[in-house]
Amino acid sequence: MAVAKLARKCLSRKGRKRPNMREVSFELERIRSSSPEDLEVHVRNVDAEEQIMEINRERF
């Protein structure tokens, strides 16, 4: 699931939403070294952060 979420970010049409290659590399390494339980918590936290960032972008 974490890899799918990362891939979805990479395919975003808006450049500001796409991660750079360093961020992708870091995230893939983190996914590779994490336990399944850690990944589930991280995916939920990333979703919440993305929602907050989207709300802030809409305000400005």
C-alpha atoms as a PDB file:
ATOM      1  CA  MET A   1       0.000   0.000   0.000  1.00  0.00           C
ATOM      2  CA  ALA A   2       2.822   2.431   0.823  1.00  0.00           C
ATOM      3  CA  VAL A   3       4.449   1.882  -2.572  1.00  0.00           C
ATOM      4  CA  ALA A   4       1.119   2.498  -4.296  1.00  0.00           C
ATOM      5  CA  LYS A   5       0.655   5.781  -2.414  1.00  0.00           C
ATOM      6  CA  LEU A   6       4.160   6.876  -3.369  1.00  0.00           C
ATOM      7  CA  ALA A   7       3.513   5.983  -7.005  1.00  0.00           C
ATOM      8  CA  ARG A   8       0.282   7.983  -6.934  1.00  0.00           C
ATOM      9  CA  LYS A   9       2.179  11.037  -5.683  1.00  0.00           C
ATOM     10  CA  CYS A  10       4.756  10.607  -8.451  1.00  0.00           C
ATOM     11  CA  LEU A  11       2.002  10.674 -11.072  1.00  0.00           C
ATOM     12  CA  SER A  12       0.449  13.914  -9.854  1.00  0.00           C
ATOM     13  CA  ARG A  13      -0.106  16.438 -12.638  1.00  0.00           C
ATOM     14  CA  LYS A  14       0.881  19.290 -10.351  1.00  0.00           C
ATOM     15  CA  GLY A  15       4.632  19.502 -10.007  1.00  0.00           C
ATOM     16  CA  ARG A  16       4.409  20.853  -6.457  1.00  0.00           C
ATOM     17  CA  LYS A  17       2.710  17.644  -5.357  1.00  0.00           C
ATOM     18  CA  ARG A  18       5.289  15.323  -6.929  1.00  0.00           C
ATOM     19  CA  PRO A  19       8.201  14.248  -4.734  1.00  0.00           C
ATOM     20  CA  ASN A  20      11.717  14.796  -6.019  1.00  0.00           C
ATOM     21  CA  MET A  21      14.004  11.818  -6.612  1.00  0.00           C
ATOM     22  CA  ARG A  22      15.735  12.206  -3.268  1.00  0.00           C
ATOM     23  CA  GLU A  23      12.381  12.029  -1.476  1.00  0.00           C
ATOM     24  CA  VAL A  24      11.369   8.985  -3.542  1.00  0.00           C
ATOM     25  CA  SER A  25      14.638   7.241  -2.757  1.00  0.00           C
ATOM     26  CA  PHE A  26      14.320   8.011   0.952  1.00  0.00           C
ATOM     27  CA  GLU A  27      10.724   6.797   1.041  1.00  0.00           C
ATOM     28  CA  LEU A  28      11.497   3.562  -0.827  1.00  0.00           C
ATOM     29  CA  GLU A  29      14.384   2.829   1.539  1.00  0.00           C
ATOM     30  CA  ARG A  30      12.141   3.469   4.527  1.00  0.00           C
ATOM     31  CA  ILE A  31       9.468   1.167   3.087  1.00  0.00           C
ATOM     32  CA  ARG A  32      12.015  -1.546   2.455  1.00  0.00           C
ATOM     33  CA  SER A  33      13.346  -1.460   6.011  1.00  0.00           C
ATOM     34  CA  SER A  34      10.005  -1.080   7.839  1.00  0.00           C
ATOM     35  CA  SER A  35       7.727  -3.649   9.358  1.00  0.00           C
ATOM     36  CA  PRO A  36       4.163  -3.903   8.005  1.00  0.00           C
ATOM     37  CA  GLU A  37       2.748  -2.345  11.193  1.00  0.00           C
ATOM     38  CA  ASP A  38       5.057   0.671  10.926  1.00  0.00           C
ATOM     39  CA  LEU A  39       4.058   1.203   7.312  1.00  0.00           C
ATOM     40  CA  GLU A  40       0.346   1.250   8.091  1.00  0.00           C
ATOM     41  CA  VAL A  41       0.813   3.965  10.714  1.00  0.00           C
ATOM     42  CA  HIS A  42       3.025   5.995   8.361  1.00  0.00           C
ATOM     43  CA  VAL A  43       0.523   5.767   5.494  1.00  0.00           C
ATOM     44  CA  ARG A  44      -2.247   7.083   7.756  1.00  0.00           C
ATOM     45  CA  ASN A  45      -0.034   9.971   8.935  1.00  0.00           C
ATOM     46  CA  VAL A  46       0.934  10.893   5.372  1.00  0.00           C
ATOM     47  CA  ASP A  47      -2.729  10.947   4.338  1.00  0.00           C
ATOM     48  CA  ALA A  48      -3.557  13.358   7.159  1.00  0.00           C
ATOM     49  CA  GLU A  49      -0.595  15.598   6.282  1.00  0.00           C
ATOM     50  CA  GLU A  50      -1.596  15.667   2.603  1.00  0.00           C
ATOM     51  CA  GLN A  51      -5.132  16.716   3.501  1.00  0.00           C
ATOM     52  CA  ILE A  52      -3.809  19.556   5.660  1.00  0.00           C
ATOM     53  CA  MET A  53      -1.424  20.708   2.917  1.00  0.00           C
ATOM     54  CA  GLU A  54      -4.237  20.668   0.346  1.00  0.00           C
ATOM     55  CA  ILE A  55      -6.451  22.795   2.601  1.00  0.00           C
ATOM     56  CA  ASN A  56      -3.610  25.288   3.088  1.00  0.00           C
ATOM     57  CA  ARG A  57      -2.993  25.490  -0.684  1.00  0.00           C
ATOM     58  CA  GLU A  58      -6.651  26.208  -1.326  1.00  0.00           C
ATOM     59  CA  ARG A  59      -6.591  29.101   1.129  1.00  0.00           C
ATOM     60  CA  PHE A  60      -3.740  30.862  -0.677  1.00  0.00           C
END
